[in-house]
Amino acid sequence: MSTLPVVAAVDGSDDSWRALDWAVEAARRRGAPLRVAHVRQYAVWTPPGGPVVMPPPPDGDPVLADARARLEGRAGPTGTEYVGLDGAPGALLPGLGAEAELLVLGSRGRGGFARLLLGSNGMSAARDAECPVVIVPRPDRDVDGPEQEPGPRVVVGLHVDSPDEAALAFAFTEASLREARLQVVAAYPWPVQTWAAPGELQAPPVDQDVVERETRTLAEGFLAAHRDRHPGVRVEPWPVPGDAAAHLVAASKDAALVVVGRHRRRLLAPARMLGSVTHAVLLHAASPVAVVPPAPAEERDAS
């Protein structure tokens, strides 16, 4: 049982209600309390002679009132708290993750452009929050993916040259909580081409089957400790050639969750970043996506 809450950020949009529904189930599975948060953004400036818009009192927040009504009578978390904050959502939402087990948002809120795949607030939270952030997409996202065995499935990306232990640990825990199998996408670059002379490429000196076997062997090694901690999780390593983001997006079809790591800070790039693979998965995956920040020790080692 967790004492840290699962935080659902709501703003009254359909996207945020989907995020709230997802967060309720996540809190229930973890035995964690639920915190429903609404960041109210009000303009400071008003035109001369115009009415001054003031934030409503916390107990008069219509968005939180709607959230209460939606959850009334539902079997869910051990306790639910409603929090109203005033300010810029992009600045305040990441801070909600400082004392949370999970921060859950919809892919877009009330603002932004209609065709936007992921709102700026979701992007900021995924990049800056201290806890894992789950982005729940709209149900109309459609991707082409391979046929999968029926049953609940969690997907995680694994870079065998630089494994993300925090993302793997989160994915194993999530699969265990859901009694789901874990599909581990380990992409390797292929075809590999080498330069023979200026303007000339030659075939790689190594066979693709050899690269795939080595990728699988490395993946199994990184997964071993996590398997020991979660013996009930059925793990499916999936070494695949080519672009990791494309394979993760394809695997998101009918998946319960896709787990990716946040880019670790480097000495020459100290700012927090999402990374190109994580960014692409957030924009295009059909399932909810969990972005997991690196463990503090991993960030120290990387820098």
C-alpha atoms as a PDB file:
ATOM      1  CA  MET A   1       0.000   0.000   0.000  1.00  0.00           C
ATOM      2  CA  SER A   2       1.349   3.419  -0.968  1.00  0.00           C
ATOM      3  CA  THR A   3       1.064   6.516   1.215  1.00  0.00           C
ATOM      4  CA  LEU A   4       1.866   8.858  -1.679  1.00  0.00           C
ATOM      5  CA  PRO A   5      -1.173   9.864  -3.741  1.00  0.00           C
ATOM      6  CA  VAL A   6      -1.935   9.355  -7.383  1.00  0.00           C
ATOM      7  CA  VAL A   7      -2.590  12.874  -8.687  1.00  0.00           C
ATOM      8  CA  ALA A   8      -5.102  13.495 -11.476  1.00  0.00           C
ATOM      9  CA  ALA A   9      -4.951  16.917 -13.110  1.00  0.00           C
ATOM     10  CA  VAL A  10      -8.389  18.027 -14.322  1.00  0.00           C
ATOM     11  CA  ASP A  11      -9.667  21.119 -16.094  1.00  0.00           C
ATOM     12  CA  GLY A  12     -13.190  20.131 -17.107  1.00  0.00           C
ATOM     13  CA  SER A  13     -12.241  18.840 -20.560  1.00  0.00           C
ATOM     14  CA  ASP A  14     -13.157  15.376 -21.810  1.00  0.00           C
ATOM     15  CA  ASP A  15      -9.433  14.578 -21.953  1.00  0.00           C
ATOM     16  CA  SER A  16      -9.017  15.356 -18.268  1.00  0.00           C
ATOM     17  CA  TRP A  17     -12.044  13.219 -17.308  1.00  0.00           C
ATOM     18  CA  ARG A  18     -10.439  10.277 -19.109  1.00  0.00           C
ATOM     19  CA  ALA A  19      -7.272  10.962 -17.122  1.00  0.00           C
ATOM     20  CA  LEU A  20      -9.316  11.046 -13.910  1.00  0.00           C
ATOM     21  CA  ASP A  21     -10.889   7.657 -14.691  1.00  0.00           C
ATOM     22  CA  TRP A  22      -7.422   6.214 -15.368  1.00  0.00           C
ATOM     23  CA  ALA A  23      -6.043   7.698 -12.134  1.00  0.00           C
ATOM     24  CA  VAL A  24      -8.903   6.249 -10.061  1.00  0.00           C
ATOM     25  CA  GLU A  25      -8.042   2.734 -11.231  1.00  0.00           C
ATOM     26  CA  ALA A  26      -4.310   3.320 -10.758  1.00  0.00           C
ATOM     27  CA  ALA A  27      -4.865   4.465  -7.171  1.00  0.00           C
ATOM     28  CA  ARG A  28      -7.148   1.509  -6.468  1.00  0.00           C
ATOM     29  CA  ARG A  29      -4.580  -1.004  -7.759  1.00  0.00           C
ATOM     30  CA  ARG A  30      -1.848   0.563  -5.606  1.00  0.00           C
ATOM     31  CA  GLY A  31      -3.950   1.042  -2.486  1.00  0.00           C
ATOM     32  CA  ALA A  32      -2.997   4.711  -2.730  1.00  0.00           C
ATOM     33  CA  PRO A  33      -5.056   7.829  -2.037  1.00  0.00           C
ATOM     34  CA  LEU A  34      -6.251   9.960  -4.942  1.00  0.00           C
ATOM     35  CA  ARG A  35      -5.629  13.688  -5.241  1.00  0.00           C
ATOM     36  CA  VAL A  36      -7.717  15.552  -7.817  1.00  0.00           C
ATOM     37  CA  ALA A  37      -6.076  18.855  -8.726  1.00  0.00           C
ATOM     38  CA  HIS A  38      -7.346  21.776 -10.774  1.00  0.00           C
ATOM     39  CA  VAL A  39      -4.975  24.592 -11.669  1.00  0.00           C
ATOM     40  CA  ARG A  40      -7.089  27.673 -12.276  1.00  0.00           C
ATOM     41  CA  GLN A  41      -5.507  30.108 -14.679  1.00  0.00           C
ATOM     42  CA  TYR A  42      -6.793  33.661 -14.518  1.00  0.00           C
ATOM     43  CA  ALA A  43      -5.533  36.698 -16.378  1.00  0.00           C
ATOM     44  CA  VAL A  44      -3.930  39.292 -14.130  1.00  0.00           C
ATOM     45  CA  TRP A  45      -4.525  42.119 -16.590  1.00  0.00           C
ATOM     46  CA  THR A  46      -8.038  43.429 -17.333  1.00  0.00           C
ATOM     47  CA  PRO A  47      -8.980  46.178 -19.782  1.00  0.00           C
ATOM     48  CA  PRO A  48      -9.660  49.639 -18.337  1.00  0.00           C
ATOM     49  CA  GLY A  49     -13.204  49.777 -17.010  1.00  0.00           C
ATOM     50  CA  GLY A  50     -13.659  46.033 -17.407  1.00  0.00           C
ATOM     51  CA  PRO A  51     -14.726  43.688 -14.628  1.00  0.00           C
ATOM     52  CA  VAL A  52     -11.983  42.251 -12.459  1.00  0.00           C
ATOM     53  CA  VAL A  53     -12.010  38.471 -12.643  1.00  0.00           C
ATOM     54  CA  MET A  54     -11.157  36.884  -9.324  1.00  0.00           C
ATOM     55  CA  PRO A  55     -10.553  33.190  -8.635  1.00  0.00           C
ATOM     56  CA  PRO A  56     -13.476  31.439  -6.971  1.00  0.00           C
ATOM     57  CA  PRO A  57     -12.994  30.083  -3.450  1.00  0.00           C
ATOM     58  CA  PRO A  58     -11.702  26.489  -3.391  1.00  0.00           C
ATOM     59  CA  ASP A  59     -15.067  25.111  -2.279  1.00  0.00           C
ATOM     60  CA  GLY A  60     -16.752  26.909  -5.183  1.00  0.00           C
ATOM     61  CA  ASP A  61     -14.567  25.523  -7.958  1.00  0.00           C
ATOM     62  CA  PRO A  62     -17.006  24.153 -10.579  1.00  0.00           C
ATOM     63  CA  VAL A  63     -14.396  21.823 -12.097  1.00  0.00           C
ATOM     64  CA  LEU A  64     -13.689  20.174  -8.759  1.00  0.00           C
ATOM     65  CA  ALA A  65     -17.432  20.029  -8.087  1.00  0.00           C
ATOM     66  CA  ASP A  66     -17.885  18.158 -11.381  1.00  0.00           C
ATOM     67  CA  ALA A  67     -15.041  15.808 -10.421  1.00  0.00           C
ATOM     68  CA  ARG A  68     -16.730  15.043  -7.101  1.00  0.00           C
ATOM     69  CA  ALA A  69     -19.987  14.324  -8.898  1.00  0.00           C
ATOM     70  CA  ARG A  70     -18.261  11.975 -11.354  1.00  0.00           C
ATOM     71  CA  LEU A  71     -16.653   9.971  -8.561  1.00  0.00           C
ATOM     72  CA  GLU A  72     -19.626   9.901  -6.216  1.00  0.00           C
ATOM     73  CA  GLY A  73     -20.722   6.365  -5.430  1.00  0.00           C
ATOM     74  CA  ARG A  74     -17.808   4.747  -7.302  1.00  0.00           C
ATOM     75  CA  ALA A  75     -15.678   2.102  -5.637  1.00  0.00           C
ATOM     76  CA  GLY A  76     -12.186   3.439  -5.883  1.00  0.00           C
ATOM     77  CA  PRO A  77      -9.211   4.656  -3.862  1.00  0.00           C
ATOM     78  CA  THR A  78      -8.845   4.558  -0.104  1.00  0.00           C
ATOM     79  CA  GLY A  79      -9.281   8.331   0.132  1.00  0.00           C
ATOM     80  CA  THR A  80      -9.817  11.256  -2.221  1.00  0.00           C
ATOM     81  CA  GLU A  81      -8.650  14.845  -1.809  1.00  0.00           C
ATOM     82  CA  TYR A  82      -9.596  17.810  -4.005  1.00  0.00           C
ATOM     83  CA  VAL A  83      -7.075  20.615  -4.480  1.00  0.00           C
ATOM     84  CA  GLY A  84      -7.490  23.927  -6.280  1.00  0.00           C
ATOM     85  CA  LEU A  85      -4.453  25.980  -7.257  1.00  0.00           C
ATOM     86  CA  ASP A  86      -4.201  29.370  -8.947  1.00  0.00           C
ATOM     87  CA  GLY A  87      -1.500  30.128 -11.491  1.00  0.00           C
ATOM     88  CA  ALA A  88       0.030  28.927 -14.737  1.00  0.00           C
ATOM     89  CA  PRO A  89      -0.675  25.197 -15.272  1.00  0.00           C
ATOM     90  CA  GLY A  90       2.590  24.644 -17.146  1.00  0.00           C
ATOM     91  CA  ALA A  91       4.511  25.859 -14.107  1.00  0.00           C
ATOM     92  CA  LEU A  92       2.389  24.350 -11.325  1.00  0.00           C
ATOM     93  CA  LEU A  93       1.495  20.924 -12.709  1.00  0.00           C
ATOM     94  CA  PRO A  94       5.072  19.522 -12.662  1.00  0.00           C
ATOM     95  CA  GLY A  95       5.373  20.584  -9.025  1.00  0.00           C
ATOM     96  CA  LEU A  96       2.440  18.360  -8.089  1.00  0.00           C
ATOM     97  CA  GLY A  97       4.713  15.400  -8.763  1.00  0.00           C
ATOM     98  CA  ALA A  98       7.066  16.293  -5.907  1.00  0.00           C
ATOM     99  CA  GLU A  99       4.805  14.467  -3.432  1.00  0.00           C
ATOM    100  CA  ALA A 100       3.054  11.961  -5.667  1.00  0.00           C
ATOM    101  CA  GLU A 101       3.433   8.398  -6.797  1.00  0.00           C
ATOM    102  CA  LEU A 102       1.973   9.216 -10.206  1.00  0.00           C
ATOM    103  CA  LEU A 103       0.797  12.335 -12.019  1.00  0.00           C
ATOM    104  CA  VAL A 104      -1.918  11.645 -14.595  1.00  0.00           C
ATOM    105  CA  LEU A 105      -3.037  14.061 -17.319  1.00  0.00           C
ATOM    106  CA  GLY A 106      -5.052  13.991 -20.499  1.00  0.00           C
ATOM    107  CA  SER A 107      -3.266  14.548 -23.784  1.00  0.00           C
ATOM    108  CA  ARG A 108      -4.873  17.962 -24.167  1.00  0.00           C
ATOM    109  CA  GLY A 109      -6.833  20.359 -22.034  1.00  0.00           C
ATOM    110  CA  ARG A 110      -9.311  23.117 -22.775  1.00  0.00           C
ATOM    111  CA  GLY A 111      -6.754  25.418 -24.374  1.00  0.00           C
ATOM    112  CA  GLY A 112      -4.508  24.968 -27.373  1.00  0.00           C
ATOM    113  CA  PHE A 113      -5.204  24.131 -30.982  1.00  0.00           C
ATOM    114  CA  ALA A 114      -7.809  21.545 -31.943  1.00  0.00           C
ATOM    115  CA  ARG A 115      -5.327  19.499 -33.970  1.00  0.00           C
ATOM    116  CA  LEU A 116      -2.661  19.455 -31.265  1.00  0.00           C
ATOM    117  CA  LEU A 117      -1.613  15.889 -30.389  1.00  0.00           C
ATOM    118  CA  LEU A 118      -0.205  16.773 -26.979  1.00  0.00           C
ATOM    119  CA  GLY A 119      -0.744  19.982 -25.052  1.00  0.00           C
ATOM    120  CA  SER A 120       2.048  22.089 -23.626  1.00  0.00           C
ATOM    121  CA  ASN A 121       1.012  21.338 -20.038  1.00  0.00           C
ATOM    122  CA  GLY A 122       1.343  17.595 -20.596  1.00  0.00           C
ATOM    123  CA  MET A 123       4.701  18.112 -22.239  1.00  0.00           C
ATOM    124  CA  SER A 124       5.943  20.259 -19.346  1.00  0.00           C
ATOM    125  CA  ALA A 125       4.786  17.760 -16.743  1.00  0.00           C
ATOM    126  CA  ALA A 126       6.356  14.798 -18.569  1.00  0.00           C
ATOM    127  CA  ARG A 127       9.640  16.692 -18.833  1.00  0.00           C
ATOM    128  CA  ASP A 128       9.878  18.251 -15.377  1.00  0.00           C
ATOM    129  CA  ALA A 129       7.861  16.283 -12.796  1.00  0.00           C
ATOM    130  CA  GLU A 130       9.744  14.379 -10.104  1.00  0.00           C
ATOM    131  CA  CYS A 131       7.447  11.345 -10.346  1.00  0.00           C
ATOM    132  CA  PRO A 132       6.307   9.207 -13.292  1.00  0.00           C
ATOM    133  CA  VAL A 133       3.800  11.017 -15.495  1.00  0.00           C
ATOM    134  CA  VAL A 134       1.042   9.192 -17.371  1.00  0.00           C
ATOM    135  CA  ILE A 135      -0.492  10.851 -20.420  1.00  0.00           C
ATOM    136  CA  VAL A 136      -3.881   9.404 -21.403  1.00  0.00           C
ATOM    137  CA  PRO A 137      -4.555   9.888 -25.136  1.00  0.00           C
ATOM    138  CA  ARG A 138      -7.818  10.435 -26.921  1.00  0.00           C
ATOM    139  CA  PRO A 139      -9.582   7.199 -27.905  1.00  0.00           C
ATOM    140  CA  ASP A 140      -9.557   8.046 -31.611  1.00  0.00           C
ATOM    141  CA  ARG A 141      -5.828   7.479 -32.064  1.00  0.00           C
ATOM    142  CA  ASP A 142      -5.278   4.628 -34.504  1.00  0.00           C
ATOM    143  CA  VAL A 143      -1.972   2.888 -35.157  1.00  0.00           C
ATOM    144  CA  ASP A 144      -0.922  -0.082 -37.252  1.00  0.00           C
ATOM    145  CA  GLY A 145       0.596  -2.788 -35.135  1.00  0.00           C
ATOM    146  CA  PRO A 146       1.269  -6.521 -35.216  1.00  0.00           C
ATOM    147  CA  GLU A 147      -1.332  -8.985 -34.041  1.00  0.00           C
ATOM    148  CA  GLN A 148      -0.944  -9.659 -30.338  1.00  0.00           C
ATOM    149  CA  GLU A 149      -1.972 -12.443 -28.021  1.00  0.00           C
ATOM    150  CA  PRO A 150      -5.176 -11.521 -26.173  1.00  0.00           C
ATOM    151  CA  GLY A 151      -4.899 -10.321 -22.611  1.00  0.00           C
ATOM    152  CA  PRO A 152      -3.521  -7.321 -20.728  1.00  0.00           C
ATOM    153  CA  ARG A 153      -0.109  -6.182 -21.905  1.00  0.00           C
ATOM    154  CA  VAL A 154       2.395  -3.560 -20.746  1.00  0.00           C
ATOM    155  CA  VAL A 155       5.097  -2.399 -23.158  1.00  0.00           C
ATOM    156  CA  VAL A 156       8.474  -0.949 -22.192  1.00  0.00           C
ATOM    157  CA  GLY A 157      11.354   0.296 -24.298  1.00  0.00           C
ATOM    158  CA  LEU A 158      14.870  -0.963 -23.552  1.00  0.00           C
ATOM    159  CA  HIS A 159      18.027   0.545 -25.018  1.00  0.00           C
ATOM    160  CA  VAL A 160      20.601  -2.191 -24.440  1.00  0.00           C
ATOM    161  CA  ASP A 161      23.495   0.273 -24.778  1.00  0.00           C
ATOM    162  CA  SER A 162      22.058   2.462 -22.018  1.00  0.00           C
ATOM    163  CA  PRO A 163      19.349   0.663 -20.016  1.00  0.00           C
ATOM    164  CA  ASP A 164      16.966   2.762 -17.936  1.00  0.00           C
ATOM    165  CA  GLU A 165      16.569   0.896 -14.651  1.00  0.00           C
ATOM    166  CA  ALA A 166      13.866   3.232 -13.351  1.00  0.00           C
ATOM    167  CA  ALA A 167      11.680   2.679 -16.405  1.00  0.00           C
ATOM    168  CA  LEU A 168      12.181  -1.093 -16.233  1.00  0.00           C
ATOM    169  CA  ALA A 169      11.317  -1.184 -12.522  1.00  0.00           C
ATOM    170  CA  PHE A 170       8.168   0.848 -13.120  1.00  0.00           C
ATOM    171  CA  ALA A 171       7.106  -1.363 -16.043  1.00  0.00           C
ATOM    172  CA  PHE A 172       7.564  -4.580 -14.049  1.00  0.00           C
ATOM    173  CA  THR A 173       5.589  -3.147 -11.132  1.00  0.00           C
ATOM    174  CA  GLU A 174       2.784  -1.998 -13.427  1.00  0.00           C
ATOM    175  CA  ALA A 175       2.631  -5.397 -15.151  1.00  0.00           C
ATOM    176  CA  SER A 176       2.502  -7.121 -11.770  1.00  0.00           C
ATOM    177  CA  LEU A 177      -0.311  -4.867 -10.521  1.00  0.00           C
ATOM    178  CA  ARG A 178      -2.310  -5.501 -13.689  1.00  0.00           C
ATOM    179  CA  GLU A 179      -1.471  -9.227 -13.898  1.00  0.00           C
ATOM    180  CA  ALA A 180      -0.314  -8.423 -17.416  1.00  0.00           C
ATOM    181  CA  ARG A 181       2.491  -9.747 -19.529  1.00  0.00           C
ATOM    182  CA  LEU A 182       5.424  -7.409 -20.175  1.00  0.00           C
ATOM    183  CA  GLN A 183       6.619  -6.858 -23.724  1.00  0.00           C
ATOM    184  CA  VAL A 184      10.156  -5.466 -23.827  1.00  0.00           C
ATOM    185  CA  VAL A 185      10.963  -3.668 -27.094  1.00  0.00           C
ATOM    186  CA  ALA A 186      14.748  -3.727 -27.627  1.00  0.00           C
ATOM    187  CA  ALA A 187      15.427  -2.010 -30.953  1.00  0.00           C
ATOM    188  CA  TYR A 188      18.815  -2.285 -32.618  1.00  0.00           C
ATOM    189  CA  PRO A 189      20.080  -0.213 -35.580  1.00  0.00           C
ATOM    190  CA  TRP A 190      19.754  -2.009 -38.910  1.00  0.00           C
ATOM    191  CA  PRO A 191      20.851  -1.975 -41.636  1.00  0.00           C
ATOM    192  CA  VAL A 192      24.322  -0.976 -40.502  1.00  0.00           C
ATOM    193  CA  GLN A 193      26.440   0.515 -43.262  1.00  0.00           C
ATOM    194  CA  THR A 194      30.093   1.395 -43.251  1.00  0.00           C
ATOM    195  CA  TRP A 195      32.017   3.758 -45.506  1.00  0.00           C
ATOM    196  CA  ALA A 196      34.531   2.094 -47.825  1.00  0.00           C
ATOM    197  CA  ALA A 197      35.570   5.262 -49.657  1.00  0.00           C
ATOM    198  CA  PRO A 198      34.124   8.742 -50.115  1.00  0.00           C
ATOM    199  CA  GLY A 199      30.661   8.270 -51.544  1.00  0.00           C
ATOM    200  CA  GLU A 200      30.753   4.458 -51.300  1.00  0.00           C
ATOM    201  CA  LEU A 201      28.958   2.267 -48.783  1.00  0.00           C
ATOM    202  CA  GLN A 202      29.645  -1.364 -48.147  1.00  0.00           C
ATOM    203  CA  ALA A 203      27.608  -4.086 -46.511  1.00  0.00           C
ATOM    204  CA  PRO A 204      28.178  -4.597 -42.779  1.00  0.00           C
ATOM    205  CA  PRO A 205      30.699  -7.296 -41.843  1.00  0.00           C
ATOM    206  CA  VAL A 206      28.284  -8.839 -39.316  1.00  0.00           C
ATOM    207  CA  ASP A 207      25.117 -10.815 -39.932  1.00  0.00           C
ATOM    208  CA  GLN A 208      21.777  -9.449 -38.715  1.00  0.00           C
ATOM    209  CA  ASP A 209      20.980 -12.687 -36.876  1.00  0.00           C
ATOM    210  CA  VAL A 210      24.145 -12.216 -34.829  1.00  0.00           C
ATOM    211  CA  VAL A 211      23.146  -8.648 -33.890  1.00  0.00           C
ATOM    212  CA  GLU A 212      19.670  -9.795 -32.921  1.00  0.00           C
ATOM    213  CA  ARG A 213      21.004 -12.618 -30.746  1.00  0.00           C
ATOM    214  CA  GLU A 214      23.424 -10.268 -29.010  1.00  0.00           C
ATOM    215  CA  THR A 215      20.627  -7.751 -28.416  1.00  0.00           C
ATOM    216  CA  ARG A 216      18.444 -10.473 -26.906  1.00  0.00           C
ATOM    217  CA  THR A 217      21.298 -11.711 -24.697  1.00  0.00           C
ATOM    218  CA  LEU A 218      21.991  -8.194 -23.402  1.00  0.00           C
ATOM    219  CA  ALA A 219      18.292  -7.584 -22.804  1.00  0.00           C
ATOM    220  CA  GLU A 220      17.932 -10.828 -20.842  1.00  0.00           C
ATOM    221  CA  GLY A 221      20.853  -9.795 -18.668  1.00  0.00           C
ATOM    222  CA  PHE A 222      19.316  -6.421 -17.806  1.00  0.00           C
ATOM    223  CA  LEU A 223      15.946  -8.034 -17.121  1.00  0.00           C
ATOM    224  CA  ALA A 224      17.216 -10.778 -14.826  1.00  0.00           C
ATOM    225  CA  ALA A 225      17.143  -8.845 -11.548  1.00  0.00           C
ATOM    226  CA  HIS A 226      13.669  -7.467 -12.288  1.00  0.00           C
ATOM    227  CA  ARG A 227      12.399 -10.968 -13.095  1.00  0.00           C
ATOM    228  CA  ASP A 228      13.648 -12.141  -9.703  1.00  0.00           C
ATOM    229  CA  ARG A 229      11.712  -9.349  -7.961  1.00  0.00           C
ATOM    230  CA  HIS A 230       8.557 -10.057  -9.971  1.00  0.00           C
ATOM    231  CA  PRO A 231       8.502 -13.819 -10.608  1.00  0.00           C
ATOM    232  CA  GLY A 232       4.818 -13.734 -11.530  1.00  0.00           C
ATOM    233  CA  VAL A 233       5.328 -11.411 -14.498  1.00  0.00           C
ATOM    234  CA  ARG A 234       5.568 -13.082 -17.864  1.00  0.00           C
ATOM    235  CA  VAL A 235       8.274 -11.260 -19.827  1.00  0.00           C
ATOM    236  CA  GLU A 236       8.611 -11.220 -23.616  1.00  0.00           C
ATOM    237  CA  PRO A 237      11.878  -9.701 -24.869  1.00  0.00           C
ATOM    238  CA  TRP A 238      11.347  -8.436 -28.424  1.00  0.00           C
ATOM    239  CA  PRO A 239      14.558  -7.525 -30.260  1.00  0.00           C
ATOM    240  CA  VAL A 240      13.606  -5.651 -33.429  1.00  0.00           C
ATOM    241  CA  PRO A 241      15.572  -3.834 -36.136  1.00  0.00           C
ATOM    242  CA  GLY A 242      15.172  -0.161 -36.871  1.00  0.00           C
ATOM    243  CA  ASP A 243      13.511   2.811 -35.223  1.00  0.00           C
ATOM    244  CA  ALA A 244      12.631   2.308 -31.555  1.00  0.00           C
ATOM    245  CA  ALA A 245       9.877   4.936 -31.541  1.00  0.00           C
ATOM    246  CA  ALA A 246       8.077   3.353 -34.493  1.00  0.00           C
ATOM    247  CA  HIS A 247       8.128  -0.085 -32.855  1.00  0.00           C
ATOM    248  CA  LEU A 248       6.871   1.291 -29.522  1.00  0.00           C
ATOM    249  CA  VAL A 249       4.041   3.154 -31.230  1.00  0.00           C
ATOM    250  CA  ALA A 250       3.078   0.014 -33.163  1.00  0.00           C
ATOM    251  CA  ALA A 251       3.175  -2.048 -29.958  1.00  0.00           C
ATOM    252  CA  SER A 252       0.867   0.478 -28.262  1.00  0.00           C
ATOM    253  CA  LYS A 253      -2.092  -0.867 -30.220  1.00  0.00           C
ATOM    254  CA  ASP A 254      -4.409  -2.512 -27.664  1.00  0.00           C
ATOM    255  CA  ALA A 255      -1.742  -2.205 -24.941  1.00  0.00           C
ATOM    256  CA  ALA A 256      -2.695  -1.238 -21.401  1.00  0.00           C
ATOM    257  CA  LEU A 257       0.332   1.035 -21.064  1.00  0.00           C
ATOM    258  CA  VAL A 258       3.587   1.958 -22.790  1.00  0.00           C
ATOM    259  CA  VAL A 259       6.495   2.845 -20.501  1.00  0.00           C
ATOM    260  CA  VAL A 260       9.403   5.012 -21.623  1.00  0.00           C
ATOM    261  CA  GLY A 261      12.210   6.720 -19.767  1.00  0.00           C
ATOM    262  CA  ARG A 262      12.877  10.410 -19.658  1.00  0.00           C
ATOM    263  CA  HIS A 263      16.155  11.545 -21.167  1.00  0.00           C
ATOM    264  CA  ARG A 264      18.916  11.575 -18.592  1.00  0.00           C
ATOM    265  CA  ARG A 265      20.803  14.814 -18.168  1.00  0.00           C
ATOM    266  CA  ARG A 266      24.357  14.887 -19.430  1.00  0.00           C
ATOM    267  CA  LEU A 267      27.332  17.059 -18.524  1.00  0.00           C
ATOM    268  CA  LEU A 268      27.068  18.988 -21.796  1.00  0.00           C
ATOM    269  CA  ALA A 269      23.243  18.963 -21.787  1.00  0.00           C
ATOM    270  CA  PRO A 270      22.224  19.598 -18.151  1.00  0.00           C
ATOM    271  CA  ALA A 271      18.633  20.674 -18.902  1.00  0.00           C
ATOM    272  CA  ARG A 272      15.824  18.171 -18.592  1.00  0.00           C
ATOM    273  CA  MET A 273      14.693  16.789 -21.929  1.00  0.00           C
ATOM    274  CA  LEU A 274      12.273  14.137 -23.094  1.00  0.00           C
ATOM    275  CA  GLY A 275      14.407  12.598 -25.818  1.00  0.00           C
ATOM    276  CA  SER A 276      13.308  11.986 -29.396  1.00  0.00           C
ATOM    277  CA  VAL A 277      11.917   8.477 -28.817  1.00  0.00           C
ATOM    278  CA  THR A 278       9.871   9.505 -25.781  1.00  0.00           C
ATOM    279  CA  HIS A 279       8.606  12.609 -27.573  1.00  0.00           C
ATOM    280  CA  ALA A 280       7.461  10.582 -30.597  1.00  0.00           C
ATOM    281  CA  VAL A 281       5.752   7.960 -28.446  1.00  0.00           C
ATOM    282  CA  LEU A 282       3.870  10.631 -26.499  1.00  0.00           C
ATOM    283  CA  LEU A 283       2.628  12.185 -29.723  1.00  0.00           C
ATOM    284  CA  HIS A 284       1.546   9.030 -31.521  1.00  0.00           C
ATOM    285  CA  ALA A 285       0.920   6.068 -29.159  1.00  0.00           C
ATOM    286  CA  ALA A 286      -2.628   4.746 -29.022  1.00  0.00           C
ATOM    287  CA  SER A 287      -2.377   3.665 -25.376  1.00  0.00           C
ATOM    288  CA  PRO A 288      -1.606   5.657 -22.229  1.00  0.00           C
ATOM    289  CA  VAL A 289       2.108   6.445 -21.945  1.00  0.00           C
ATOM    290  CA  ALA A 290       4.106   6.568 -18.707  1.00  0.00           C
ATOM    291  CA  VAL A 291       7.212   8.763 -18.752  1.00  0.00           C
ATOM    292  CA  VAL A 292       9.510   7.704 -15.927  1.00  0.00           C
ATOM    293  CA  PRO A 293      12.210  10.062 -14.626  1.00  0.00           C
ATOM    294  CA  PRO A 294      15.638   8.557 -13.994  1.00  0.00           C
ATOM    295  CA  ALA A 295      16.555   7.616 -10.461  1.00  0.00           C
ATOM    296  CA  PRO A 296      18.737  10.265  -8.783  1.00  0.00           C
ATOM    297  CA  ALA A 297      21.690   7.854  -8.769  1.00  0.00           C
ATOM    298  CA  GLU A 298      21.336   7.332 -12.529  1.00  0.00           C
ATOM    299  CA  GLU A 299      21.420  11.089 -13.139  1.00  0.00           C
ATOM    300  CA  ARG A 300      24.512  11.478 -10.972  1.00  0.00           C
ATOM    301  CA  ASP A 301      26.295   8.640 -12.761  1.00  0.00           C
ATOM    302  CA  ALA A 302      25.331  10.023 -16.183  1.00  0.00           C
ATOM    303  CA  SER A 303      26.707  13.465 -15.389  1.00  0.00           C
END
